[in-house]
Amino acid sequence: MKIRIKFRKNGVMKFVGHLDVMRYFQKAMRRADIDIAYSGGYSPHQVMSFAAPLGVGITSDAEYIDIEINTPITTKDALKQLNDTMVEGMEVVAFKQLPEESKIAMSIVDAADYEVCFREGYAPSGNWEEKISSFFAQEEIVVWKKTKKSEKEVDIKPLIHTISTKDGKISMQIASGSANNLKPELVIEAFANYIGFDLKEFSLLIHRKELYANIGDENQKELISLENMGEDIE
């Protein structure tokens, strides 16, 4: 049975890197008595795949793990058993059965919602919020993007689906996944350059709200949250 788990990562847990989170959930599966499937071969491992690893220092309401289980369990029981093993800052909020033909979340992530705000004392002065619309209205938003070997100029405008601001918080939906991936920090850096603001290091608080798959086609996107691709187990 294919399962998609959604969890939140907040508080001090935002400083725990992806590999440690992966090891944590491997142990949590055993402690919670979830009958997770293992791979074959000489070195079997739990069948477990994370959708889009979260950067250190970022909080999230929408982290996803795909697993396979051998013994059915209800969503209600699975949530209780897993959350009984969770530490402060980690909470499992969904445990959904996926159709058998489903692809793993890692391969289908297409977009992500983020909420970004400035730490106290680090925000631009004046009416910076009013300039978000004109920033997004540009025909191109060119930035220097680091690759594994060098840096190159990239137009990130096509990768920003929406961006708006309210009460000092910047909400954006941007491309995410293996094909196209844009970091929210890069968007804010581009905005800071646009308004002539010197963005200091560690001045942003970033929170991921949701991850989406595209179930449309090349001509017309149709985004659906990864959670809504599965069903609760009764």
Protein backbone atom coordinates (compact mmCIF):
# COMPACT_ATOMS: atom_id res chain seq x y z
CA MET A 1 0.00 0.00 0.00
CA LYS A 2 1.42 3.37 -1.05
CA ILE A 3 1.22 6.08 1.61
CA ARG A 4 1.89 9.83 1.60
CA ILE A 5 2.71 11.45 4.93
CA LYS A 6 2.52 15.20 5.50
CA PHE A 7 4.27 16.80 8.45
CA ARG A 8 5.11 20.19 9.91
CA LYS A 9 8.59 21.29 10.87
CA ASN A 10 8.85 24.29 13.20
CA GLY A 11 10.73 25.76 16.14
CA VAL A 12 14.25 24.55 16.79
CA MET A 13 13.72 21.65 14.38
CA LYS A 14 14.23 24.09 11.50
CA PHE A 15 17.95 23.84 12.22
CA VAL A 16 18.00 20.06 11.64
CA GLY A 17 19.20 19.16 8.13
CA HIS A 18 17.49 16.87 5.63
CA LEU A 19 19.66 13.80 6.20
CA ASP A 20 19.06 13.92 9.94
CA VAL A 21 15.31 14.35 9.39
CA MET A 22 15.39 11.28 7.14
CA ARG A 23 17.15 9.23 9.83
CA TYR A 24 14.72 10.56 12.43
CA PHE A 25 11.70 9.33 10.46
CA GLN A 26 13.31 5.95 9.84
CA LYS A 27 13.51 5.50 13.60
CA ALA A 28 10.05 6.99 14.12
CA MET A 29 8.52 4.37 11.82
CA ARG A 30 9.91 1.60 14.00
CA ARG A 31 8.93 3.28 17.27
CA ALA A 32 5.41 3.96 15.99
CA ASP A 33 5.08 0.31 14.91
CA ILE A 34 4.32 1.24 11.29
CA ASP A 35 4.85 -1.89 9.18
CA ILE A 36 6.89 -0.10 6.53
CA ALA A 37 8.17 -2.08 3.55
CA TYR A 38 11.88 -2.67 3.00
CA SER A 39 13.84 -2.96 -0.20
CA GLY A 40 15.45 -6.27 -1.18
CA GLY A 41 19.11 -7.13 -1.62
CA TYR A 42 22.02 -7.46 0.78
CA SER A 43 21.42 -4.09 2.43
CA PRO A 44 17.64 -3.59 2.77
CA HIS A 45 16.37 -0.13 3.64
CA GLN A 46 12.98 1.37 4.30
CA VAL A 47 11.04 2.32 1.18
CA MET A 48 10.90 6.06 1.90
CA SER A 49 11.16 9.11 -0.34
CA PHE A 50 10.99 12.82 0.58
CA ALA A 51 9.27 15.23 -1.80
CA ALA A 52 11.49 18.33 -1.70
CA PRO A 53 14.18 18.62 0.97
CA LEU A 54 13.84 21.77 3.05
CA GLY A 55 16.79 24.13 3.55
CA VAL A 56 18.22 24.53 7.04
CA GLY A 57 16.59 27.42 8.90
CA ILE A 58 13.27 27.23 7.02
CA THR A 59 10.04 26.23 8.75
CA SER A 60 7.21 24.43 6.99
CA ASP A 61 3.60 23.30 7.18
CA ALA A 62 3.99 21.05 4.14
CA GLU A 63 6.74 18.44 4.22
CA TYR A 64 5.98 15.15 2.49
CA ILE A 65 7.26 11.58 2.69
CA ASP A 66 6.12 8.71 0.47
CA ILE A 67 6.39 5.23 1.96
CA GLU A 68 5.01 1.75 1.35
CA ILE A 69 3.48 -0.36 4.12
CA ASN A 70 2.81 -4.08 4.36
CA THR A 71 0.00 -4.04 6.92
CA PRO A 72 -2.96 -1.66 6.54
CA ILE A 73 -3.55 0.90 9.31
CA THR A 74 -6.20 3.60 9.62
CA THR A 75 -5.23 7.23 9.21
CA LYS A 76 -6.46 7.97 12.74
CA ASP A 77 -4.29 5.26 14.31
CA ALA A 78 -1.25 6.11 12.20
CA LEU A 79 -1.40 9.80 13.15
CA LYS A 80 -1.64 8.96 16.85
CA GLN A 81 1.14 6.38 16.78
CA LEU A 82 3.50 8.64 14.82
CA ASN A 83 2.76 11.80 16.80
CA ASP A 84 3.31 9.91 20.05
CA THR A 85 6.94 9.53 18.90
CA MET A 86 7.43 13.09 17.59
CA VAL A 87 9.63 15.66 19.30
CA GLU A 88 8.61 19.29 19.81
CA GLY A 89 8.60 21.07 16.45
CA MET A 90 7.56 18.01 14.43
CA GLU A 91 3.93 17.06 13.83
CA VAL A 92 2.42 14.58 11.38
CA VAL A 93 -0.82 16.06 9.99
CA ALA A 94 -1.82 13.65 7.20
CA PHE A 95 -1.46 9.95 6.39
CA LYS A 96 -3.04 9.25 2.99
CA GLN A 97 -3.33 6.18 0.80
CA LEU A 98 -2.24 6.79 -2.80
CA PRO A 99 -3.48 5.05 -5.95
CA GLU A 100 -1.17 2.18 -6.92
CA GLU A 101 -0.12 3.92 -10.16
CA SER A 102 1.00 7.06 -8.31
CA LYS A 103 4.47 8.42 -8.92
CA ILE A 104 6.62 9.37 -5.95
CA ALA A 105 6.24 12.95 -4.73
CA MET A 106 9.87 13.78 -5.47
CA SER A 107 9.31 13.30 -9.21
CA ILE A 108 6.09 15.32 -9.51
CA VAL A 109 6.62 18.45 -7.39
CA ASP A 110 6.03 21.49 -9.60
CA ALA A 111 5.37 24.49 -7.35
CA ALA A 112 5.51 25.67 -3.75
CA ASP A 113 3.85 28.36 -1.63
CA TYR A 114 6.09 30.38 0.69
CA GLU A 115 5.58 33.15 3.20
CA VAL A 116 8.58 35.40 3.84
CA CYS A 117 9.05 38.22 6.32
CA PHE A 118 11.96 40.29 7.55
CA ARG A 119 13.37 39.85 11.02
CA GLU A 120 12.67 42.76 13.33
CA GLY A 121 14.92 45.67 12.45
CA TYR A 122 15.99 44.23 9.06
CA ALA A 123 13.11 45.37 6.82
CA PRO A 124 13.47 48.13 4.23
CA SER A 125 12.26 51.53 5.31
CA GLY A 126 9.40 53.41 3.69
CA ASN A 127 6.62 52.01 1.53
CA TRP A 128 8.48 48.97 0.21
CA GLU A 129 5.33 46.83 0.16
CA GLU A 130 3.79 49.04 -2.49
CA LYS A 131 6.66 48.23 -4.85
CA ILE A 132 6.01 44.46 -5.00
CA SER A 133 3.46 44.88 -7.82
CA SER A 134 5.79 46.91 -10.03
CA PHE A 135 8.62 44.49 -9.30
CA PHE A 136 6.51 41.57 -10.51
CA ALA A 137 5.23 43.56 -13.50
CA GLN A 138 8.71 43.69 -15.06
CA GLU A 139 9.12 41.80 -18.31
CA GLU A 140 12.28 40.18 -16.96
CA ILE A 141 13.71 39.63 -13.48
CA VAL A 142 17.35 38.79 -14.13
CA VAL A 143 19.56 37.51 -11.31
CA TRP A 144 22.93 35.85 -10.93
CA LYS A 145 22.28 32.22 -10.06
CA LYS A 146 24.98 29.90 -8.78
CA THR A 147 25.43 26.53 -10.46
CA LYS A 148 27.70 23.69 -9.39
CA LYS A 149 30.53 25.03 -11.53
CA SER A 150 29.92 28.75 -11.97
CA GLU A 151 27.45 31.63 -11.92
CA LYS A 152 25.17 32.69 -14.74
CA GLU A 153 22.47 35.23 -15.44
CA VAL A 154 18.96 33.78 -15.29
CA ASP A 155 15.53 35.32 -15.87
CA ILE A 156 13.47 34.08 -12.91
CA LYS A 157 10.25 35.87 -13.91
CA PRO A 158 8.74 32.72 -15.54
CA LEU A 159 9.44 30.82 -12.30
CA ILE A 160 7.43 33.22 -10.12
CA HIS A 161 3.76 32.31 -10.45
CA THR A 162 2.37 34.87 -7.98
CA ILE A 163 3.74 37.31 -5.42
CA SER A 164 1.95 39.71 -3.08
CA THR A 165 2.38 41.32 0.30
CA LYS A 166 0.20 42.04 3.31
CA ASP A 167 1.01 43.18 6.85
CA GLY A 168 4.74 42.95 6.22
CA LYS A 169 4.60 39.37 4.93
CA ILE A 170 5.45 38.43 1.34
CA SER A 171 3.47 35.51 -0.09
CA MET A 172 4.70 33.83 -3.24
CA GLN A 173 4.07 30.77 -5.33
CA ILE A 174 7.19 29.74 -7.21
CA ALA A 175 8.49 26.86 -9.30
CA SER A 176 9.82 23.93 -7.31
CA GLY A 177 11.06 20.45 -8.15
CA SER A 178 13.66 18.71 -10.27
CA ALA A 179 12.87 20.43 -13.59
CA ASN A 180 12.71 24.04 -12.35
CA ASN A 181 13.51 25.11 -8.83
CA LEU A 182 13.56 28.65 -7.45
CA LYS A 183 14.54 29.53 -3.91
CA PRO A 184 12.46 32.21 -2.16
CA GLU A 185 15.67 33.86 -0.97
CA LEU A 186 16.62 34.55 -4.56
CA VAL A 187 13.30 36.27 -5.22
CA ILE A 188 13.75 38.54 -2.20
CA GLU A 189 17.34 39.31 -3.21
CA ALA A 190 16.06 40.35 -6.64
CA PHE A 191 13.39 42.52 -5.03
CA ALA A 192 15.96 44.13 -2.71
CA ASN A 193 18.13 44.99 -5.72
CA TYR A 194 15.07 46.41 -7.49
CA ILE A 195 14.33 48.86 -4.65
CA GLY A 196 18.01 49.57 -3.93
CA PHE A 197 18.00 47.90 -0.53
CA ASP A 198 21.05 46.26 1.05
CA LEU A 199 19.71 42.89 2.17
CA LYS A 200 21.66 41.66 5.19
CA GLU A 201 22.54 38.02 5.76
CA PHE A 202 20.11 36.07 7.97
CA SER A 203 17.51 38.87 7.72
CA LEU A 204 14.68 36.65 6.40
CA LEU A 205 12.21 34.30 8.08
CA ILE A 206 10.98 31.79 5.49
CA HIS A 207 8.02 29.45 5.89
CA ARG A 208 6.84 26.88 3.34
CA LYS A 209 3.04 26.67 3.18
CA GLU A 210 2.36 23.98 0.56
CA LEU A 211 3.80 21.82 -2.24
CA TYR A 212 1.96 21.13 -5.49
CA ALA A 213 2.02 18.70 -8.40
CA ASN A 214 0.93 19.67 -11.91
CA ILE A 215 -1.80 17.35 -13.20
CA GLY A 216 -2.38 19.50 -16.28
CA ASP A 217 -0.31 19.57 -19.44
CA GLU A 218 2.34 21.75 -21.10
CA ASN A 219 -0.28 24.23 -22.29
CA GLN A 220 -2.38 24.52 -19.15
CA LYS A 221 -1.10 23.96 -15.62
CA GLU A 222 -3.46 22.43 -13.07
CA LEU A 223 -1.90 22.41 -9.64
CA ILE A 224 -3.02 20.13 -6.83
CA SER A 225 -1.50 19.87 -3.37
CA LEU A 226 0.41 16.65 -2.76
CA GLU A 227 -1.89 15.94 0.18
CA ASN A 228 -5.03 16.02 -1.96
CA MET A 229 -3.71 13.29 -4.26
CA GLY A 230 -4.45 10.66 -1.60
CA GLU A 231 -7.36 9.53 0.58
CA ASP A 232 -7.72 8.95 4.31
CA ILE A 233 -7.75 5.29 5.38
CA GLU A 234 -10.85 4.39 7.40
